Amino acid sequence: MGKQYLLDTNIISAMLKPSQHIWKKIQDVIVADEKIFISTISYYETKRGLLATQATTKLQRFDYIRQKYEMVGIDNESVLDTASEIYATLKKCGQPLPDADILIAAMAKTYDLILVTDDNHFERMEGVRVENWVVMQSG
């Protein structure tokens, strides 16, 4: 099986803007028969923001994106255990992060997905593989 990716909220937001680079990377992933997922947390963060700002055009784009990619959630003990471990480790180091980010990282780690994000703080989480498609150069 090829690589599998989990899109962070900021990547979904970037997809809602005219960004040919991100869409080219997504096309490359699809052509390579690799899989893309969206977390239930990113779904919530994206949809609440679009509804709050009444961004109807972006909401339509988001609904299209959501239909294309399967969602993964925090609905099992393994994800919650991993999130708890990540939280405890970061707290001990004095580097706490928002719970939403910890839960997204835990989903990526539990389901062995590469987290696609534009936030470098995910790299502080042991065992979480990260790629940044925003700064990645095409070619």
Protein backbone atom coordinates (compact mmCIF):
# COMPACT_ATOMS: atom_id res chain seq x y z
CA MET A 1 0.00 0.00 0.00
CA GLY A 2 1.22 3.50 -0.84
CA LYS A 3 1.54 6.44 1.49
CA GLN A 4 -1.49 7.66 3.37
CA TYR A 5 -1.97 11.27 4.44
CA LEU A 6 -3.99 13.16 7.04
CA LEU A 7 -4.72 16.79 6.15
CA ASP A 8 -4.39 19.32 8.96
CA THR A 9 -6.89 22.16 9.20
CA ASN A 10 -4.47 24.72 7.74
CA ILE A 11 -3.99 22.56 4.63
CA ILE A 12 -7.74 22.28 4.12
CA SER A 13 -7.94 26.07 4.48
CA ALA A 14 -5.20 26.44 1.87
CA MET A 15 -7.16 24.14 -0.44
CA LEU A 16 -10.12 26.52 -0.23
CA LYS A 17 -8.00 29.31 -1.70
CA PRO A 18 -6.72 29.37 -5.28
CA SER A 19 -3.50 27.41 -4.74
CA GLN A 20 -2.49 25.43 -7.78
CA HIS A 21 0.54 24.07 -5.94
CA ILE A 22 -1.50 22.22 -3.29
CA TRP A 23 -3.97 20.89 -5.85
CA LYS A 24 -1.07 19.66 -8.01
CA LYS A 25 0.37 17.78 -5.03
CA ILE A 26 -3.05 16.27 -4.29
CA GLN A 27 -3.33 15.20 -7.94
CA ASP A 28 0.13 13.59 -7.69
CA VAL A 29 -0.98 11.68 -4.57
CA ILE A 30 -4.15 10.45 -6.30
CA VAL A 31 -2.24 9.38 -9.43
CA ALA A 32 0.21 7.47 -7.20
CA ASP A 33 -2.80 5.61 -5.75
CA GLU A 34 -2.09 7.01 -2.31
CA LYS A 35 -4.86 7.90 0.12
CA ILE A 36 -5.90 11.16 1.78
CA PHE A 37 -7.93 11.47 4.98
CA ILE A 38 -9.49 14.34 6.92
CA SER A 39 -9.77 14.22 10.71
CA THR A 40 -13.05 14.88 12.46
CA ILE A 41 -11.25 17.67 14.36
CA SER A 42 -10.16 19.42 11.13
CA TYR A 43 -13.68 18.98 9.75
CA TYR A 44 -15.08 20.73 12.81
CA GLU A 45 -12.45 23.49 12.86
CA THR A 46 -12.94 24.22 9.16
CA LYS A 47 -16.73 24.06 9.06
CA ARG A 48 -17.24 26.19 12.20
CA GLY A 49 -14.99 28.91 10.76
CA LEU A 50 -16.73 28.93 7.40
CA LEU A 51 -20.19 29.05 8.98
CA ALA A 52 -19.17 31.79 11.43
CA THR A 53 -17.88 33.98 8.61
CA GLN A 54 -20.70 33.01 6.24
CA ALA A 55 -18.17 32.03 3.58
CA THR A 56 -20.69 30.31 1.33
CA THR A 57 -18.42 29.79 -1.66
CA LYS A 58 -15.68 28.28 0.47
CA LEU A 59 -18.30 26.19 2.28
CA GLN A 60 -19.34 24.69 -1.06
CA ARG A 61 -15.68 23.94 -1.87
CA PHE A 62 -15.24 22.37 1.57
CA ASP A 63 -18.30 20.15 1.07
CA TYR A 64 -16.77 18.99 -2.24
CA ILE A 65 -13.43 18.24 -0.53
CA ARG A 66 -15.18 16.42 2.31
CA GLN A 67 -16.99 14.12 -0.11
CA LYS A 68 -13.71 13.14 -1.78
CA TYR A 69 -11.81 12.06 1.34
CA GLU A 70 -12.64 9.65 4.14
CA MET A 71 -12.74 10.95 7.72
CA VAL A 72 -10.88 9.49 10.68
CA GLY A 73 -11.85 10.25 14.24
CA ILE A 74 -11.03 10.02 17.90
CA ASP A 75 -13.55 7.26 18.41
CA ASN A 76 -11.23 4.62 19.79
CA GLU A 77 -9.18 4.15 22.92
CA SER A 78 -5.89 3.87 21.05
CA VAL A 79 -6.16 7.42 19.66
CA LEU A 80 -7.08 8.77 23.09
CA ASP A 81 -4.20 6.90 24.76
CA THR A 82 -1.75 8.24 22.18
CA ALA A 83 -3.10 11.77 22.64
CA SER A 84 -2.72 11.45 26.41
CA GLU A 85 0.90 10.33 26.02
CA ILE A 86 1.70 13.19 23.62
CA TYR A 87 0.11 15.70 26.02
CA ALA A 88 2.04 14.36 29.02
CA THR A 89 5.36 14.41 27.13
CA LEU A 90 4.85 17.99 25.90
CA LYS A 91 3.74 19.17 29.34
CA LYS A 92 6.86 17.67 30.97
CA CYS A 93 9.01 19.53 28.43
CA GLY A 94 7.11 22.78 29.07
CA GLN A 95 5.88 22.84 25.46
CA PRO A 96 2.10 22.39 25.65
CA LEU A 97 0.01 22.60 22.50
CA PRO A 98 -3.74 23.00 21.91
CA ASP A 99 -5.76 19.83 22.45
CA ALA A 100 -7.04 19.91 18.86
CA ASP A 101 -3.48 19.67 17.52
CA ILE A 102 -2.61 16.89 19.95
CA LEU A 103 -5.69 14.91 18.89
CA ILE A 104 -4.90 15.38 15.19
CA ALA A 105 -1.33 14.21 15.78
CA ALA A 106 -2.60 11.21 17.75
CA MET A 107 -4.86 10.20 14.85
CA ALA A 108 -1.95 10.47 12.42
CA LYS A 109 0.29 8.40 14.68
CA THR A 110 -2.34 5.77 15.56
CA TYR A 111 -3.46 5.22 11.96
CA ASP A 112 0.10 5.47 10.59
CA LEU A 113 -0.72 8.49 8.43
CA ILE A 114 1.63 11.25 7.32
CA LEU A 115 0.34 14.52 8.75
CA VAL A 116 0.23 17.22 6.10
CA THR A 117 0.46 20.59 7.86
CA ASP A 118 1.91 24.06 7.68
CA ASP A 119 2.61 24.04 11.45
CA ASN A 120 6.12 23.05 12.45
CA HIS A 121 5.19 22.40 16.08
CA PHE A 122 3.94 18.93 15.09
CA GLU A 123 7.56 17.95 14.53
CA ARG A 124 8.08 18.09 18.31
CA MET A 125 5.77 15.11 18.71
CA GLU A 126 7.69 11.86 18.67
CA GLY A 127 6.59 9.34 16.08
CA VAL A 128 4.46 11.77 14.06
CA ARG A 129 5.55 11.91 10.42
CA VAL A 130 5.01 15.37 8.90
CA GLU A 131 5.04 16.89 5.42
CA ASN A 132 4.39 20.51 4.49
CA TRP A 133 2.75 20.87 1.09
CA VAL A 134 2.56 24.66 1.40
CA VAL A 135 6.33 25.24 1.33
CA MET A 136 7.17 22.16 -0.75
CA GLN A 137 8.66 23.06 -4.11
CA SER A 138 7.02 21.46 -7.10
CA GLY A 139 9.08 19.41 -9.43
